[in-house]
Amino acid sequence: MADSKQLYQEVILDHNRKPRNWGALADATHRAEGHNSLCGDHLVVTVKANGNAIDAVGFEGESCAICKASASMMTTTVKGKST
């Protein structure tokens, strides 16, 4: 159990330090903004879709490590997928 907890922490810290797909897309076709008033997290996600395919996705904003890491992991997962 300790190994899986350590791995989880390492993944979160890595995505927080080096977020994947950081930055807004200038040519985005879709945009979503989220704000958590309880903790202050605020993120904007931009997507460039081509038909039913997600060509590119980016995000930016101010948030805690877990929120930033979650957004980073989500963007890596959906890029290249169908809408």
Protein backbone atom coordinates (compact mmCIF):
# COMPACT_ATOMS: atom_id res chain seq x y z
CA MET A 1 0.00 0.00 0.00
CA ALA A 2 2.83 2.42 0.79
CA ASP A 3 4.28 1.93 -2.70
CA SER A 4 1.02 2.88 -4.41
CA LYS A 5 0.64 5.95 -2.17
CA GLN A 6 4.18 7.05 -2.98
CA LEU A 7 3.59 6.50 -6.71
CA TYR A 8 0.37 8.53 -6.52
CA GLN A 9 2.20 11.38 -4.78
CA GLU A 10 5.04 11.29 -7.33
CA VAL A 11 2.60 11.47 -10.25
CA ILE A 12 0.74 14.40 -8.68
CA LEU A 13 3.96 16.27 -7.94
CA ASP A 14 5.36 15.63 -11.43
CA HIS A 15 2.23 16.95 -13.17
CA ASN A 16 2.15 19.94 -10.82
CA ARG A 17 5.79 20.86 -11.46
CA LYS A 18 5.65 20.19 -15.20
CA PRO A 19 2.02 20.47 -16.27
CA ARG A 20 1.32 19.01 -19.70
CA ASN A 21 -0.60 21.12 -22.22
CA TRP A 22 -0.23 24.29 -20.13
CA GLY A 23 -1.46 27.44 -21.86
CA ALA A 24 -4.51 28.59 -23.75
CA LEU A 25 -4.94 27.67 -27.41
CA ALA A 26 -5.16 30.71 -29.65
CA ASP A 27 -7.16 28.79 -32.25
CA ALA A 28 -9.48 26.98 -29.82
CA THR A 29 -12.93 25.98 -31.00
CA HIS A 30 -14.23 25.39 -27.46
CA ARG A 31 -13.58 26.99 -24.09
CA ALA A 32 -14.69 26.16 -20.54
CA GLU A 33 -13.98 28.01 -17.34
CA GLY A 34 -14.30 26.71 -13.81
CA HIS A 35 -13.98 28.43 -10.46
CA ASN A 36 -14.23 26.82 -7.05
CA SER A 37 -15.31 29.55 -4.66
CA LEU A 38 -14.52 27.37 -1.63
CA CYS A 39 -10.79 27.05 -2.30
CA GLY A 40 -10.12 29.63 -5.02
CA ASP A 41 -9.11 27.24 -7.80
CA HIS A 42 -9.74 28.83 -11.20
CA LEU A 43 -8.98 27.08 -14.49
CA VAL A 44 -9.74 27.70 -18.14
CA VAL A 45 -9.65 24.76 -20.55
CA THR A 46 -9.44 25.35 -24.30
CA VAL A 47 -9.95 22.70 -26.97
CA LYS A 48 -9.34 22.61 -30.70
CA ALA A 49 -11.72 20.08 -32.21
CA ASN A 50 -11.74 18.98 -35.83
CA GLY A 51 -14.98 17.20 -36.56
CA ASN A 52 -15.25 14.53 -33.88
CA ALA A 53 -11.56 14.55 -32.94
CA ILE A 54 -9.81 16.55 -30.25
CA ASP A 55 -6.71 17.85 -32.00
CA ALA A 56 -5.35 19.93 -29.13
CA VAL A 57 -6.23 20.87 -25.59
CA GLY A 58 -4.71 23.31 -23.15
CA PHE A 59 -5.39 24.79 -19.75
CA GLU A 60 -4.26 27.65 -17.57
CA GLY A 61 -5.20 29.35 -14.35
CA GLU A 62 -4.48 29.45 -10.65
CA SER A 63 -5.02 26.36 -8.55
CA CYS A 64 -3.61 23.99 -5.96
CA ALA A 65 -1.24 21.16 -6.87
CA ILE A 66 -3.95 18.51 -7.02
CA CYS A 67 -6.21 20.60 -9.27
CA LYS A 68 -3.36 21.51 -11.62
CA ALA A 69 -2.16 17.90 -11.77
CA SER A 70 -5.71 16.68 -12.44
CA ALA A 71 -6.13 19.13 -15.31
CA SER A 72 -2.74 18.12 -16.71
CA MET A 73 -3.62 14.42 -16.59
CA MET A 74 -7.07 15.06 -18.07
CA THR A 75 -5.62 16.97 -21.03
CA THR A 76 -3.12 14.21 -21.80
CA THR A 77 -5.94 11.66 -21.68
CA VAL A 78 -8.42 13.42 -23.97
CA LYS A 79 -5.98 14.68 -26.61
CA GLY A 80 -6.49 12.64 -29.76
CA LYS A 81 -9.77 11.14 -28.57
CA SER A 82 -13.16 11.56 -30.20
CA THR A 83 -15.60 14.07 -28.82
